[in-house]
């Protein structure tokens, strides 16, 4: 997790576990007593960056359909979800966008993208996918 000098002021609340990871089909974040989340990679719709100015504050922040876990100002990873998810911060909140400050922004986004691509490859085909583009076609199954 990315930390700046002002994070020391939040230290009583964020000490302990403070990490972001991708594995076992989940994107997980722990931000000490301030909160965290665990979402399936299959719910990740888009990935990007968002610039977080210092005047927007540090810690866990709430915006319009956005929850941000911020240790310092600058660029954050932006995870946009295909459906709303519950995030704890320290109370539950529903969001479709999560911003995360991490030390290796490109690596974190690349890891999520790779996990999402793997999920898409391993997902069994649906009837919709089997007939996509075959309007009016009748399945022989």
N, C-alpha and C. Protein backbone atom coordinates (compact mmCIF):
# COMPACT_ATOMS: atom_id res chain seq x y z
N UNK A 1 0.84 -1.18 0.00
CA UNK A 1 0.00 0.00 0.00
C UNK A 1 0.88 1.24 0.00
N UNK A 2 0.49 2.20 -0.78
CA UNK A 2 1.24 3.45 -0.85
C UNK A 2 0.97 4.30 0.38
N UNK A 3 2.02 4.85 0.94
CA UNK A 3 1.88 5.69 2.13
C UNK A 3 2.64 6.99 1.94
N UNK A 4 2.06 8.04 2.44
CA UNK A 4 2.72 9.34 2.43
C UNK A 4 2.98 9.79 3.85
N UNK A 5 3.56 10.98 4.01
CA UNK A 5 3.88 11.49 5.33
C UNK A 5 2.66 11.69 6.21
N UNK A 6 1.54 12.11 5.63
CA UNK A 6 0.34 12.35 6.42
C UNK A 6 -0.28 11.05 6.94
N UNK A 7 0.10 9.91 6.37
CA UNK A 7 -0.43 8.64 6.82
C UNK A 7 -0.06 8.40 8.28
N UNK A 8 1.04 8.98 8.73
CA UNK A 8 1.44 8.83 10.14
C UNK A 8 0.36 9.33 11.08
N UNK A 9 -0.39 10.34 10.66
CA UNK A 9 -1.48 10.86 11.48
C UNK A 9 -2.60 9.83 11.63
N UNK A 10 -2.76 8.99 10.61
CA UNK A 10 -3.81 7.96 10.64
C UNK A 10 -3.31 6.66 11.26
N UNK A 11 -2.05 6.61 11.63
CA UNK A 11 -1.43 5.37 12.07
C UNK A 11 -2.24 4.58 13.09
N UNK A 12 -2.86 5.22 14.11
CA UNK A 12 -3.64 4.42 15.06
C UNK A 12 -4.78 3.63 14.39
N UNK A 13 -5.27 4.13 13.27
CA UNK A 13 -6.39 3.46 12.60
C UNK A 13 -5.95 2.47 11.52
N UNK A 14 -4.78 2.69 10.93
CA UNK A 14 -4.37 1.83 9.81
C UNK A 14 -3.26 0.86 10.17
N UNK A 15 -2.76 0.89 11.39
CA UNK A 15 -1.71 -0.05 11.73
C UNK A 15 -2.27 -1.47 11.65
N UNK A 16 -1.40 -2.41 11.55
CA UNK A 16 -1.82 -3.80 11.37
C UNK A 16 -1.80 -4.13 9.89
N UNK A 17 -2.70 -4.98 9.50
CA UNK A 17 -2.74 -5.40 8.10
C UNK A 17 -3.06 -4.23 7.19
N UNK A 18 -2.23 -4.06 6.19
CA UNK A 18 -2.43 -3.00 5.21
C UNK A 18 -1.84 -3.47 3.89
N UNK A 19 -2.67 -4.13 3.09
CA UNK A 19 -2.16 -4.66 1.84
C UNK A 19 -3.28 -4.86 0.82
N UNK A 20 -2.88 -4.94 -0.44
CA UNK A 20 -3.78 -5.26 -1.54
C UNK A 20 -3.20 -6.47 -2.24
N UNK A 21 -4.06 -7.42 -2.63
CA UNK A 21 -3.58 -8.61 -3.31
C UNK A 21 -4.63 -9.14 -4.27
N UNK A 22 -4.15 -9.92 -5.23
CA UNK A 22 -5.01 -10.56 -6.21
C UNK A 22 -4.66 -12.04 -6.20
N UNK A 23 -5.65 -12.90 -5.99
CA UNK A 23 -5.40 -14.33 -5.98
C UNK A 23 -6.67 -15.10 -5.70
N UNK A 24 -6.69 -16.35 -6.14
CA UNK A 24 -7.83 -17.24 -5.94
C UNK A 24 -9.12 -16.62 -6.45
N UNK A 25 -9.02 -15.91 -7.57
CA UNK A 25 -10.22 -15.33 -8.18
C UNK A 25 -10.78 -14.11 -7.46
N UNK A 26 -10.02 -13.51 -6.55
CA UNK A 26 -10.47 -12.37 -5.76
C UNK A 26 -9.47 -11.23 -5.82
N UNK A 27 -9.99 -10.01 -5.72
CA UNK A 27 -9.17 -8.82 -5.47
C UNK A 27 -9.49 -8.43 -4.03
N UNK A 28 -8.46 -8.41 -3.18
CA UNK A 28 -8.67 -8.13 -1.76
C UNK A 28 -7.81 -6.95 -1.31
N UNK A 29 -8.39 -6.17 -0.40
CA UNK A 29 -7.65 -5.06 0.20
C UNK A 29 -7.96 -5.03 1.68
N UNK A 30 -6.95 -4.79 2.46
CA UNK A 30 -7.09 -4.62 3.91
C UNK A 30 -6.44 -3.29 4.25
N UNK A 31 -7.16 -2.42 4.94
CA UNK A 31 -6.65 -1.11 5.29
C UNK A 31 -6.80 -0.89 6.79
N UNK A 32 -6.25 -1.81 7.57
CA UNK A 32 -6.31 -1.74 9.02
C UNK A 32 -7.74 -1.69 9.53
N UNK A 33 -7.97 -0.93 10.59
CA UNK A 33 -9.30 -0.81 11.18
C UNK A 33 -10.24 0.02 10.32
N UNK A 34 -9.68 0.71 9.31
CA UNK A 34 -10.51 1.57 8.47
C UNK A 34 -11.35 0.79 7.47
N UNK A 35 -11.00 -0.44 7.15
CA UNK A 35 -11.85 -1.19 6.25
C UNK A 35 -11.11 -2.04 5.25
N UNK A 36 -11.85 -2.47 4.25
CA UNK A 36 -11.30 -3.30 3.21
C UNK A 36 -12.40 -3.87 2.34
N UNK A 37 -12.01 -4.73 1.42
CA UNK A 37 -12.99 -5.37 0.55
C UNK A 37 -12.40 -6.65 -0.03
N UNK A 38 -13.27 -7.48 -0.54
CA UNK A 38 -12.90 -8.67 -1.31
C UNK A 38 -13.96 -8.81 -2.39
N UNK A 39 -13.52 -8.71 -3.65
CA UNK A 39 -14.47 -8.81 -4.76
C UNK A 39 -13.98 -9.86 -5.76
N UNK A 40 -14.90 -10.59 -6.38
CA UNK A 40 -14.50 -11.56 -7.41
C UNK A 40 -13.94 -10.84 -8.64
N UNK A 41 -12.88 -11.39 -9.24
CA UNK A 41 -12.32 -10.76 -10.44
C UNK A 41 -13.34 -10.74 -11.57
N UNK A 42 -14.29 -11.64 -11.54
CA UNK A 42 -15.34 -11.65 -12.56
C UNK A 42 -16.24 -10.43 -12.51
N UNK A 43 -16.24 -9.71 -11.38
CA UNK A 43 -17.04 -8.50 -11.24
C UNK A 43 -16.30 -7.26 -11.72
N UNK A 44 -15.02 -7.40 -12.07
CA UNK A 44 -14.25 -6.26 -12.56
C UNK A 44 -14.65 -5.99 -14.00
N UNK A 45 -15.15 -4.78 -14.24
CA UNK A 45 -15.60 -4.40 -15.58
C UNK A 45 -14.51 -3.64 -16.33
N UNK A 46 -13.91 -2.65 -15.66
CA UNK A 46 -12.86 -1.83 -16.27
C UNK A 46 -11.81 -1.47 -15.24
N UNK A 47 -10.61 -1.23 -15.74
CA UNK A 47 -9.50 -0.80 -14.89
C UNK A 47 -8.93 0.49 -15.44
N UNK A 48 -8.46 1.33 -14.55
CA UNK A 48 -7.86 2.58 -15.00
C UNK A 48 -7.13 3.26 -13.86
N UNK A 49 -6.92 4.55 -14.05
CA UNK A 49 -6.23 5.37 -13.05
C UNK A 49 -7.13 6.56 -12.73
N UNK A 50 -6.96 7.07 -11.53
CA UNK A 50 -7.64 8.29 -11.14
C UNK A 50 -6.63 9.12 -10.35
N UNK A 51 -6.57 10.40 -10.64
CA UNK A 51 -5.64 11.26 -9.89
C UNK A 51 -6.35 11.72 -8.62
N UNK A 52 -5.69 11.59 -7.47
CA UNK A 52 -6.25 11.97 -6.19
C UNK A 52 -5.46 13.16 -5.64
N UNK A 53 -6.05 14.37 -5.66
CA UNK A 53 -5.33 15.54 -5.14
C UNK A 53 -5.29 15.53 -3.61
N UNK A 54 -4.32 16.20 -3.03
CA UNK A 54 -4.15 16.19 -1.58
C UNK A 54 -5.37 16.76 -0.86
N UNK A 55 -6.07 17.72 -1.48
CA UNK A 55 -7.19 18.35 -0.80
C UNK A 55 -8.43 17.45 -0.73
N UNK A 56 -8.39 16.29 -1.41
CA UNK A 56 -9.50 15.34 -1.31
C UNK A 56 -9.41 14.48 -0.06
N UNK A 57 -8.28 14.55 0.64
CA UNK A 57 -8.14 13.86 1.91
C UNK A 57 -7.47 12.51 1.80
N UNK A 58 -7.10 11.97 2.95
CA UNK A 58 -6.43 10.67 3.05
C UNK A 58 -7.25 9.73 3.91
N UNK A 59 -6.93 8.45 3.84
CA UNK A 59 -7.67 7.44 4.59
C UNK A 59 -8.69 6.79 3.67
N UNK A 60 -9.84 6.44 4.21
CA UNK A 60 -10.92 5.88 3.40
C UNK A 60 -11.88 7.02 3.11
N UNK A 61 -12.10 7.28 1.83
CA UNK A 61 -12.92 8.41 1.40
C UNK A 61 -14.11 7.91 0.59
N UNK A 62 -15.21 8.64 0.67
CA UNK A 62 -16.42 8.29 -0.07
C UNK A 62 -16.70 9.40 -1.08
N UNK A 63 -16.99 8.99 -2.31
CA UNK A 63 -17.41 9.92 -3.35
C UNK A 63 -18.66 9.36 -4.00
N UNK A 64 -19.12 9.99 -5.08
CA UNK A 64 -20.30 9.50 -5.78
C UNK A 64 -19.99 8.14 -6.41
N UNK A 65 -20.61 7.09 -5.89
CA UNK A 65 -20.40 5.71 -6.35
C UNK A 65 -18.92 5.33 -6.33
N UNK A 66 -18.16 5.90 -5.39
CA UNK A 66 -16.73 5.65 -5.31
C UNK A 66 -16.32 5.53 -3.85
N UNK A 67 -15.49 4.54 -3.57
CA UNK A 67 -14.81 4.44 -2.28
C UNK A 67 -13.32 4.41 -2.59
N UNK A 68 -12.55 5.26 -1.91
CA UNK A 68 -11.12 5.34 -2.15
C UNK A 68 -10.35 5.01 -0.87
N UNK A 69 -9.31 4.19 -1.02
CA UNK A 69 -8.40 3.85 0.06
C UNK A 69 -7.09 4.56 -0.27
N UNK A 70 -6.82 5.68 0.43
CA UNK A 70 -5.77 6.61 0.03
C UNK A 70 -4.74 6.80 1.14
N UNK A 71 -3.47 6.53 0.83
CA UNK A 71 -2.38 6.77 1.77
C UNK A 71 -1.58 8.01 1.43
N UNK A 72 -1.69 8.48 0.18
CA UNK A 72 -1.01 9.70 -0.24
C UNK A 72 -1.68 10.20 -1.53
N UNK A 73 -1.47 11.46 -1.84
CA UNK A 73 -2.06 12.00 -3.06
C UNK A 73 -1.29 11.48 -4.26
N UNK A 74 -1.89 11.60 -5.42
CA UNK A 74 -1.28 11.12 -6.66
C UNK A 74 -2.20 10.17 -7.39
N UNK A 75 -1.64 9.36 -8.28
CA UNK A 75 -2.45 8.42 -9.06
C UNK A 75 -2.80 7.18 -8.24
N UNK A 76 -4.06 6.76 -8.37
CA UNK A 76 -4.57 5.56 -7.72
C UNK A 76 -5.07 4.60 -8.79
N UNK A 77 -5.12 3.32 -8.45
CA UNK A 77 -5.75 2.32 -9.32
C UNK A 77 -7.26 2.49 -9.19
N UNK A 78 -7.97 2.50 -10.31
CA UNK A 78 -9.42 2.61 -10.30
C UNK A 78 -10.00 1.29 -10.82
N UNK A 79 -10.81 0.66 -9.98
CA UNK A 79 -11.47 -0.60 -10.33
C UNK A 79 -12.95 -0.30 -10.49
N UNK A 80 -13.46 -0.45 -11.70
CA UNK A 80 -14.88 -0.26 -11.95
C UNK A 80 -15.54 -1.62 -12.03
N UNK A 81 -16.66 -1.77 -11.36
CA UNK A 81 -17.32 -3.07 -11.22
C UNK A 81 -18.55 -3.18 -12.11
N UNK A 82 -18.87 -4.40 -12.50
CA UNK A 82 -20.04 -4.65 -13.34
C UNK A 82 -21.33 -4.65 -12.52
N UNK A 83 -21.20 -4.79 -11.22
CA UNK A 83 -22.37 -4.73 -10.32
C UNK A 83 -21.91 -4.16 -8.98
N UNK A 84 -22.84 -3.59 -8.22
CA UNK A 84 -22.46 -2.99 -6.94
C UNK A 84 -21.88 -4.03 -5.98
N UNK A 85 -20.91 -3.57 -5.17
CA UNK A 85 -20.27 -4.44 -4.18
C UNK A 85 -20.31 -3.75 -2.82
N UNK A 86 -20.32 -4.55 -1.76
CA UNK A 86 -20.27 -4.02 -0.40
C UNK A 86 -18.82 -3.90 0.02
N UNK A 87 -18.46 -2.73 0.51
CA UNK A 87 -17.13 -2.43 0.98
C UNK A 87 -17.25 -2.02 2.45
N UNK A 88 -16.30 -2.46 3.29
CA UNK A 88 -16.31 -2.06 4.69
C UNK A 88 -15.30 -0.93 4.88
N UNK A 89 -15.76 0.17 5.54
CA UNK A 89 -14.87 1.32 5.65
C UNK A 89 -15.18 2.27 6.77
N UNK A 90 -15.19 2.06 7.99
CA UNK A 90 -15.35 0.82 8.74
C UNK A 90 -16.79 0.32 8.76
N UNK A 91 -17.73 1.12 8.27
CA UNK A 91 -19.11 0.64 8.16
C UNK A 91 -19.35 0.18 6.72
N UNK A 92 -20.35 -0.67 6.48
CA UNK A 92 -20.59 -1.16 5.11
C UNK A 92 -21.08 -0.04 4.18
N UNK A 93 -20.63 -0.09 2.94
CA UNK A 93 -21.01 0.89 1.92
C UNK A 93 -21.08 0.17 0.58
N UNK A 94 -22.04 0.50 -0.24
CA UNK A 94 -22.18 -0.11 -1.56
C UNK A 94 -21.61 0.83 -2.61
N UNK A 95 -20.82 0.28 -3.53
CA UNK A 95 -20.17 1.10 -4.55
C UNK A 95 -19.99 0.32 -5.84
N UNK A 96 -19.76 1.03 -6.92
CA UNK A 96 -19.42 0.40 -8.20
C UNK A 96 -18.02 0.79 -8.66
N UNK A 97 -17.35 1.66 -7.89
CA UNK A 97 -15.99 2.10 -8.23
C UNK A 97 -15.14 2.12 -6.95
N UNK A 98 -13.95 1.54 -7.05
CA UNK A 98 -13.02 1.50 -5.92
C UNK A 98 -11.67 2.03 -6.39
N UNK A 99 -11.14 3.00 -5.65
CA UNK A 99 -9.82 3.55 -5.95
C UNK A 99 -8.87 3.09 -4.85
N UNK A 100 -7.67 2.65 -5.25
CA UNK A 100 -6.71 2.09 -4.30
C UNK A 100 -5.33 2.67 -4.57
N UNK A 101 -4.70 3.19 -3.53
CA UNK A 101 -3.32 3.66 -3.64
C UNK A 101 -2.38 2.50 -3.36
N UNK A 102 -1.56 2.15 -4.34
CA UNK A 102 -0.59 1.05 -4.19
C UNK A 102 0.78 1.54 -4.65
N UNK A 103 1.83 0.88 -4.16
CA UNK A 103 3.19 1.27 -4.54
C UNK A 103 3.48 1.00 -6.01
N UNK A 104 3.06 -0.16 -6.53
CA UNK A 104 3.30 -0.53 -7.93
C UNK A 104 1.98 -0.49 -8.68
N UNK A 105 1.58 0.70 -9.09
CA UNK A 105 0.29 0.90 -9.73
C UNK A 105 0.14 0.08 -11.01
N UNK A 106 1.13 0.16 -11.90
CA UNK A 106 1.06 -0.59 -13.17
C UNK A 106 1.01 -2.09 -12.91
N UNK A 107 1.84 -2.57 -12.00
CA UNK A 107 1.86 -4.00 -11.68
C UNK A 107 0.54 -4.48 -11.10
N UNK A 108 -0.07 -3.68 -10.22
CA UNK A 108 -1.35 -4.04 -9.61
C UNK A 108 -2.44 -4.12 -10.67
N UNK A 109 -2.52 -3.11 -11.54
CA UNK A 109 -3.53 -3.12 -12.61
C UNK A 109 -3.30 -4.28 -13.57
N UNK A 110 -2.04 -4.55 -13.91
CA UNK A 110 -1.72 -5.65 -14.81
C UNK A 110 -2.11 -7.00 -14.19
N UNK A 111 -1.87 -7.16 -12.89
CA UNK A 111 -2.21 -8.41 -12.21
C UNK A 111 -3.72 -8.63 -12.21
N UNK A 112 -4.49 -7.57 -11.95
CA UNK A 112 -5.95 -7.70 -11.99
C UNK A 112 -6.42 -8.03 -13.40
N UNK A 113 -5.86 -7.35 -14.40
CA UNK A 113 -6.25 -7.60 -15.80
C UNK A 113 -5.94 -9.04 -16.20
N UNK A 114 -4.80 -9.56 -15.78
CA UNK A 114 -4.43 -10.94 -16.09
C UNK A 114 -5.39 -11.92 -15.41
N UNK A 115 -5.72 -11.66 -14.14
CA UNK A 115 -6.67 -12.53 -13.42
C UNK A 115 -8.04 -12.48 -14.07
N UNK A 116 -8.47 -11.31 -14.53
CA UNK A 116 -9.76 -11.16 -15.20
C UNK A 116 -9.77 -11.93 -16.53
N UNK A 117 -8.69 -11.84 -17.29
CA UNK A 117 -8.59 -12.56 -18.57
C UNK A 117 -8.63 -14.07 -18.32
N UNK A 118 -7.93 -14.53 -17.29
CA UNK A 118 -7.93 -15.95 -16.94
C UNK A 118 -9.34 -16.40 -16.56
N UNK A 119 -10.06 -15.56 -15.81
CA UNK A 119 -11.45 -15.85 -15.43
C UNK A 119 -12.31 -16.02 -16.68
N UNK A 120 -12.15 -15.11 -17.64
CA UNK A 120 -12.94 -15.18 -18.88
C UNK A 120 -12.65 -16.46 -19.66
N UNK A 121 -11.38 -16.88 -19.68
CA UNK A 121 -11.01 -18.12 -20.39
C UNK A 121 -11.56 -19.36 -19.71
N UNK A 122 -11.60 -19.35 -18.38
CA UNK A 122 -12.02 -20.54 -17.63
C UNK A 122 -13.53 -20.62 -17.46
N UNK A 123 -14.24 -19.53 -17.72
CA UNK A 123 -15.68 -19.52 -17.54
C UNK A 123 -16.33 -20.40 -18.60
N UNK A 124 -17.24 -21.28 -18.18
CA UNK A 124 -17.92 -22.12 -19.18
C UNK A 124 -18.80 -21.26 -20.08
N UNK A 125 -18.91 -21.63 -21.35
CA UNK A 125 -19.74 -20.85 -22.27
C UNK A 125 -21.21 -20.92 -21.87
N UNK A 126 -21.92 -19.83 -22.13
CA UNK A 126 -23.35 -19.80 -21.86
C UNK A 126 -24.09 -19.95 -23.18
N UNK A 127 -25.38 -20.20 -23.11
CA UNK A 127 -26.17 -20.31 -24.33
C UNK A 127 -26.11 -19.02 -25.13
N UNK A 128 -26.08 -17.86 -24.43
CA UNK A 128 -25.98 -16.58 -25.12
C UNK A 128 -24.69 -16.50 -25.92
N UNK A 129 -23.58 -16.93 -25.32
CA UNK A 129 -22.29 -16.88 -26.00
C UNK A 129 -22.26 -17.87 -27.17
N UNK A 130 -22.92 -19.02 -27.01
CA UNK A 130 -22.92 -20.03 -28.07
C UNK A 130 -23.65 -19.53 -29.31
N UNK A 131 -24.68 -18.68 -29.14
CA UNK A 131 -25.48 -18.24 -30.28
C UNK A 131 -25.23 -16.79 -30.64
N UNK A 132 -24.24 -16.16 -30.00
CA UNK A 132 -23.96 -14.74 -30.30
C UNK A 132 -23.68 -14.57 -31.78
N UNK A 133 -24.38 -13.64 -32.41
CA UNK A 133 -24.18 -13.38 -33.82
C UNK A 133 -24.99 -14.29 -34.72
N UNK A 134 -25.65 -15.30 -34.17
CA UNK A 134 -26.45 -16.23 -34.97
C UNK A 134 -27.93 -15.89 -34.75
N UNK A 135 -28.34 -14.71 -35.10
CA UNK A 135 -29.72 -14.30 -34.89
C UNK A 135 -30.64 -15.24 -35.65
N UNK A 136 -31.63 -15.70 -34.94
CA UNK A 136 -32.61 -16.60 -35.55
C UNK A 136 -32.13 -18.05 -35.65
N UNK A 137 -30.92 -18.33 -35.24
CA UNK A 137 -30.41 -19.70 -35.31
C UNK A 137 -31.05 -20.55 -34.23
N UNK A 138 -31.27 -21.80 -34.52
CA UNK A 138 -31.86 -22.73 -33.56
C UNK A 138 -30.77 -23.70 -33.13
N UNK A 139 -30.63 -23.84 -31.82
CA UNK A 139 -29.61 -24.75 -31.30
C UNK A 139 -30.11 -26.18 -31.44
N UNK A 140 -29.22 -27.09 -31.77
CA UNK A 140 -29.60 -28.51 -31.92
C UNK A 140 -29.42 -29.28 -30.63
N UNK A 141 -29.19 -28.59 -29.54
CA UNK A 141 -28.97 -29.30 -28.27
C UNK A 141 -30.26 -29.65 -27.62
